[in-house]
Amino acid sequence: MGRLRVAPAGQTGRRNWLGLPAGTVRPALVADALRRAVAAGWRPEQAGAAFALPEAA
């Protein structure tokens, strides 16, 4: 099993306990996050701790 990638989506999730406005996670958002993670050094084929992709500036 490879490494897990964790990336902020800039929106609330299914467990939106605060009632904040929520958006939709679309394939383009996921693809962009994957490209940025690989560019930042994420290697999904390598075992190890979760890789946290920082919020885009």
PDB file of N, CA and C in Angstrom:
ATOM      1  N   MET A   1       0.851  -1.181   0.000  1.00  0.00           N
ATOM      2  CA  MET A   1       0.000   0.000   0.000  1.00  0.00           C
ATOM      3  C   MET A   1       0.890   1.236   0.000  1.00  0.00           C
ATOM      4  N   GLY A   2       0.521   2.228  -0.771  1.00  0.00           N
ATOM      5  CA  GLY A   2       1.300   3.455  -0.878  1.00  0.00           C
ATOM      6  C   GLY A   2       0.913   4.480   0.169  1.00  0.00           C
ATOM      7  N   ARG A   3       1.445   5.658  -0.002  1.00  0.00           N
ATOM      8  CA  ARG A   3       1.202   6.749   0.932  1.00  0.00           C
ATOM      9  C   ARG A   3      -0.115   7.444   0.634  1.00  0.00           C
ATOM     10  N   LEU A   4      -0.786   7.842   1.669  1.00  0.00           N
ATOM     11  CA  LEU A   4      -2.025   8.604   1.575  1.00  0.00           C
ATOM     12  C   LEU A   4      -1.686  10.065   1.331  1.00  0.00           C
ATOM     13  N   ARG A   5      -2.451  10.722   0.489  1.00  0.00           N
ATOM     14  CA  ARG A   5      -2.266  12.152   0.250  1.00  0.00           C
ATOM     15  C   ARG A   5      -3.425  12.895   0.886  1.00  0.00           C
ATOM     16  N   VAL A   6      -3.095  13.925   1.645  1.00  0.00           N
ATOM     17  CA  VAL A   6      -4.116  14.743   2.293  1.00  0.00           C
ATOM     18  C   VAL A   6      -3.967  16.167   1.760  1.00  0.00           C
ATOM     19  N   ALA A   7      -5.043  16.709   1.199  1.00  0.00           N
ATOM     20  CA  ALA A   7      -5.002  18.060   0.648  1.00  0.00           C
ATOM     21  C   ALA A   7      -6.245  18.828   1.064  1.00  0.00           C
ATOM     22  N   PRO A   8      -6.068  20.067   1.507  1.00  0.00           N
ATOM     23  CA  PRO A   8      -7.247  20.880   1.816  1.00  0.00           C
ATOM     24  C   PRO A   8      -8.005  21.217   0.541  1.00  0.00           C
ATOM     25  N   ALA A   9      -9.303  21.204   0.616  1.00  0.00           N
ATOM     26  CA  ALA A   9     -10.124  21.498  -0.559  1.00  0.00           C
ATOM     27  C   ALA A   9     -10.667  22.920  -0.538  1.00  0.00           C
ATOM     28  N   GLY A  10     -10.393  23.653   0.540  1.00  0.00           N
ATOM     29  CA  GLY A  10     -10.883  25.016   0.616  1.00  0.00           C
ATOM     30  C   GLY A  10     -12.381  25.105   0.811  1.00  0.00           C
ATOM     31  N   GLN A  11     -12.977  24.034   1.300  1.00  0.00           N
ATOM     32  CA  GLN A  11     -14.424  24.008   1.530  1.00  0.00           C
ATOM     33  C   GLN A  11     -14.737  22.992   2.613  1.00  0.00           C
ATOM     34  N   THR A  12     -15.947  23.031   3.082  1.00  0.00           N
ATOM     35  CA  THR A  12     -16.341  22.108   4.134  1.00  0.00           C
ATOM     36  C   THR A  12     -16.644  20.737   3.549  1.00  0.00           C
ATOM     37  N   GLY A  13     -16.666  19.742   4.397  1.00  0.00           N
ATOM     38  CA  GLY A  13     -16.914  18.384   3.948  1.00  0.00           C
ATOM     39  C   GLY A  13     -18.280  17.881   4.373  1.00  0.00           C
ATOM     40  N   ARG A  14     -18.461  16.562   4.262  1.00  0.00           N
ATOM     41  CA  ARG A  14     -19.747  15.947   4.595  1.00  0.00           C
ATOM     42  C   ARG A  14     -20.104  16.149   6.062  1.00  0.00           C
ATOM     43  N   ARG A  15     -19.127  16.223   6.906  1.00  0.00           N
ATOM     44  CA  ARG A  15     -19.373  16.403   8.344  1.00  0.00           C
ATOM     45  C   ARG A  15     -19.337  17.891   8.690  1.00  0.00           C
ATOM     46  N   ASN A  16     -20.133  18.651   8.019  1.00  0.00           N
ATOM     47  CA  ASN A  16     -20.189  20.098   8.149  1.00  0.00           C
ATOM     48  C   ASN A  16     -21.049  20.475   9.360  1.00  0.00           C
ATOM     49  N   TRP A  17     -20.483  20.318  10.528  1.00  0.00           N
ATOM     50  CA  TRP A  17     -21.231  20.565  11.761  1.00  0.00           C
ATOM     51  C   TRP A  17     -21.516  22.047  11.998  1.00  0.00           C
ATOM     52  N   LEU A  18     -20.747  22.914  11.360  1.00  0.00           N
ATOM     53  CA  LEU A  18     -20.911  24.349  11.584  1.00  0.00           C
ATOM     54  C   LEU A  18     -21.942  24.974  10.647  1.00  0.00           C
ATOM     55  N   GLY A  19     -22.440  24.200   9.697  1.00  0.00           N
ATOM     56  CA  GLY A  19     -23.431  24.731   8.767  1.00  0.00           C
ATOM     57  C   GLY A  19     -22.861  25.746   7.790  1.00  0.00           C
ATOM     58  N   LEU A  20     -21.561  25.649   7.501  1.00  0.00           N
ATOM     59  CA  LEU A  20     -20.922  26.580   6.573  1.00  0.00           C
ATOM     60  C   LEU A  20     -21.279  26.228   5.129  1.00  0.00           C
ATOM     61  N   PRO A  21     -21.219  27.202   4.226  1.00  0.00           N
ATOM     62  CA  PRO A  21     -21.490  26.906   2.822  1.00  0.00           C
ATOM     63  C   PRO A  21     -20.504  25.851   2.312  1.00  0.00           C
ATOM     64  N   ALA A  22     -20.991  24.903   1.568  1.00  0.00           N
ATOM     65  CA  ALA A  22     -20.143  23.826   1.057  1.00  0.00           C
ATOM     66  C   ALA A  22     -20.191  23.804  -0.461  1.00  0.00           C
ATOM     67  N   GLY A  23     -19.062  23.477  -1.077  1.00  0.00           N
ATOM     68  CA  GLY A  23     -18.993  23.371  -2.524  1.00  0.00           C
ATOM     69  C   GLY A  23     -18.914  21.916  -2.938  1.00  0.00           C
ATOM     70  N   THR A  24     -18.709  21.707  -4.217  1.00  0.00           N
ATOM     71  CA  THR A  24     -18.612  20.368  -4.774  1.00  0.00           C
ATOM     72  C   THR A  24     -17.166  20.080  -5.133  1.00  0.00           C
ATOM     73  N   VAL A  25     -16.682  18.905  -4.768  1.00  0.00           N
ATOM     74  CA  VAL A  25     -15.337  18.490  -5.163  1.00  0.00           C
ATOM     75  C   VAL A  25     -15.465  17.858  -6.543  1.00  0.00           C
ATOM     76  N   ARG A  26     -14.974  18.556  -7.527  1.00  0.00           N
ATOM     77  CA  ARG A  26     -15.079  18.124  -8.918  1.00  0.00           C
ATOM     78  C   ARG A  26     -13.790  17.444  -9.365  1.00  0.00           C
ATOM     79  N   PRO A  27     -13.859  16.626 -10.418  1.00  0.00           N
ATOM     80  CA  PRO A  27     -12.661  15.942 -10.907  1.00  0.00           C
ATOM     81  C   PRO A  27     -11.495  16.880 -11.213  1.00  0.00           C
ATOM     82  N   ALA A  28     -11.776  18.067 -11.739  1.00  0.00           N
ATOM     83  CA  ALA A  28     -10.703  19.014 -12.050  1.00  0.00           C
ATOM     84  C   ALA A  28      -9.972  19.457 -10.789  1.00  0.00           C
ATOM     85  N   LEU A  29     -10.690  19.630  -9.681  1.00  0.00           N
ATOM     86  CA  LEU A  29     -10.067  20.007  -8.412  1.00  0.00           C
ATOM     87  C   LEU A  29      -9.159  18.886  -7.913  1.00  0.00           C
ATOM     88  N   VAL A  30      -9.625  17.644  -8.017  1.00  0.00           N
ATOM     89  CA  VAL A  30      -8.834  16.487  -7.597  1.00  0.00           C
ATOM     90  C   VAL A  30      -7.591  16.351  -8.473  1.00  0.00           C
ATOM     91  N   ALA A  31      -7.750  16.482  -9.783  1.00  0.00           N
ATOM     92  CA  ALA A  31      -6.614  16.373 -10.700  1.00  0.00           C
ATOM     93  C   ALA A  31      -5.566  17.437 -10.411  1.00  0.00           C
ATOM     94  N   ASP A  32      -6.004  18.659 -10.148  1.00  0.00           N
ATOM     95  CA  ASP A  32      -5.075  19.741  -9.820  1.00  0.00           C
ATOM     96  C   ASP A  32      -4.321  19.431  -8.527  1.00  0.00           C
ATOM     97  N   ALA A  33      -5.027  18.943  -7.515  1.00  0.00           N
ATOM     98  CA  ALA A  33      -4.384  18.611  -6.243  1.00  0.00           C
ATOM     99  C   ALA A  33      -3.364  17.492  -6.433  1.00  0.00           C
ATOM    100  N   LEU A  34      -3.686  16.504  -7.258  1.00  0.00           N
ATOM    101  CA  LEU A  34      -2.736  15.415  -7.516  1.00  0.00           C
ATOM    102  C   LEU A  34      -1.490  15.922  -8.231  1.00  0.00           C
ATOM    103  N   ARG A  35      -1.673  16.789  -9.222  1.00  0.00           N
ATOM    104  CA  ARG A  35      -0.511  17.353  -9.928  1.00  0.00           C
ATOM    105  C   ARG A  35       0.366  18.159  -8.977  1.00  0.00           C
ATOM    106  N   ARG A  36      -0.261  18.979  -8.124  1.00  0.00           N
ATOM    107  CA  ARG A  36       0.520  19.782  -7.171  1.00  0.00           C
ATOM    108  C   ARG A  36       1.235  18.894  -6.158  1.00  0.00           C
ATOM    109  N   ALA A  37       0.592  17.817  -5.734  1.00  0.00           N
ATOM    110  CA  ALA A  37       1.215  16.912  -4.761  1.00  0.00           C
ATOM    111  C   ALA A  37       2.443  16.230  -5.358  1.00  0.00           C
ATOM    112  N   VAL A  38       2.334  15.756  -6.591  1.00  0.00           N
ATOM    113  CA  VAL A  38       3.480  15.122  -7.248  1.00  0.00           C
ATOM    114  C   VAL A  38       4.613  16.132  -7.404  1.00  0.00           C
ATOM    115  N   ALA A  39       4.285  17.367  -7.802  1.00  0.00           N
ATOM    116  CA  ALA A  39       5.296  18.412  -7.948  1.00  0.00           C
ATOM    117  C   ALA A  39       5.960  18.751  -6.610  1.00  0.00           C
ATOM    118  N   ALA A  40       5.216  18.579  -5.506  1.00  0.00           N
ATOM    119  CA  ALA A  40       5.738  18.879  -4.174  1.00  0.00           C
ATOM    120  C   ALA A  40       6.472  17.693  -3.543  1.00  0.00           C
ATOM    121  N   GLY A  41       6.541  16.565  -4.273  1.00  0.00           N
ATOM    122  CA  GLY A  41       7.311  15.442  -3.768  1.00  0.00           C
ATOM    123  C   GLY A  41       6.533  14.223  -3.330  1.00  0.00           C
ATOM    124  N   TRP A  42       5.222  14.216  -3.513  1.00  0.00           N
ATOM    125  CA  TRP A  42       4.423  13.040  -3.136  1.00  0.00           C
ATOM    126  C   TRP A  42       4.756  11.884  -4.059  1.00  0.00           C
ATOM    127  N   ARG A  43       5.062  10.740  -3.493  1.00  0.00           N
ATOM    128  CA  ARG A  43       5.338   9.518  -4.250  1.00  0.00           C
ATOM    129  C   ARG A  43       4.376   8.454  -3.756  1.00  0.00           C
ATOM    130  N   PRO A  44       3.230   8.292  -4.413  1.00  0.00           N
ATOM    131  CA  PRO A  44       2.190   7.395  -3.908  1.00  0.00           C
ATOM    132  C   PRO A  44       2.619   5.938  -3.823  1.00  0.00           C
ATOM    133  N   GLU A  45       3.616   5.545  -4.610  1.00  0.00           N
ATOM    134  CA  GLU A  45       4.048   4.150  -4.591  1.00  0.00           C
ATOM    135  C   GLU A  45       4.936   3.821  -3.395  1.00  0.00           C
ATOM    136  N   GLN A  46       5.388   4.842  -2.671  1.00  0.00           N
ATOM    137  CA  GLN A  46       6.257   4.626  -1.516  1.00  0.00           C
ATOM    138  C   GLN A  46       5.438   4.566  -0.239  1.00  0.00           C
ATOM    139  N   ALA A  47       5.753   3.587   0.594  1.00  0.00           N
ATOM    140  CA  ALA A  47       5.096   3.491   1.897  1.00  0.00           C
ATOM    141  C   ALA A  47       5.591   4.617   2.795  1.00  0.00           C
ATOM    142  N   GLY A  48       4.797   4.965   3.763  1.00  0.00           N
ATOM    143  CA  GLY A  48       5.220   5.983   4.714  1.00  0.00           C
ATOM    144  C   GLY A  48       4.039   6.746   5.268  1.00  0.00           C
ATOM    145  N   ALA A  49       4.358   7.786   5.992  1.00  0.00           N
ATOM    146  CA  ALA A  49       3.338   8.629   6.620  1.00  0.00           C
ATOM    147  C   ALA A  49       2.534   9.356   5.548  1.00  0.00           C
ATOM    148  N   ALA A  50       1.380   9.845   5.929  1.00  0.00           N
ATOM    149  CA  ALA A  50       0.530  10.612   5.008  1.00  0.00           C
ATOM    150  C   ALA A  50       1.275  11.846   4.527  1.00  0.00           C
ATOM    151  N   PHE A  51       1.056  12.201   3.286  1.00  0.00           N
ATOM    152  CA  PHE A  51       1.658  13.381   2.686  1.00  0.00           C
ATOM    153  C   PHE A  51       0.621  14.498   2.714  1.00  0.00           C
ATOM    154  N   ALA A  52       0.901  15.555   3.442  1.00  0.00           N
ATOM    155  CA  ALA A  52      -0.041  16.675   3.556  1.00  0.00           C
ATOM    156  C   ALA A  52       0.342  17.767   2.577  1.00  0.00           C
ATOM    157  N   LEU A  53      -0.541  18.044   1.649  1.00  0.00           N
ATOM    158  CA  LEU A  53      -0.316  19.117   0.681  1.00  0.00           C
ATOM    159  C   LEU A  53      -0.818  20.405   1.285  1.00  0.00           C
ATOM    160  N   PRO A  54       0.061  21.391   1.449  1.00  0.00           N
ATOM    161  CA  PRO A  54      -0.375  22.652   2.069  1.00  0.00           C
ATOM    162  C   PRO A  54      -1.396  23.391   1.194  1.00  0.00           C
ATOM    163  N   GLU A  55      -2.146  24.254   1.816  1.00  0.00           N
ATOM    164  CA  GLU A  55      -3.141  25.081   1.121  1.00  0.00           C
ATOM    165  C   GLU A  55      -2.425  25.914   0.057  1.00  0.00           C
ATOM    166  N   ALA A  56      -3.029  26.017  -1.111  1.00  0.00           N
ATOM    167  CA  ALA A  56      -2.452  26.833  -2.187  1.00  0.00           C
ATOM    168  C   ALA A  56      -2.471  28.291  -1.777  1.00  0.00           C
ATOM    169  N   ALA A  57      -1.405  28.987  -2.110  1.00  0.00           N
ATOM    170  CA  ALA A  57      -1.304  30.411  -1.740  1.00  0.00           C
ATOM    171  C   ALA A  57      -1.962  31.282  -2.772  1.00  0.00           C
TER     172      ALA A  57
END
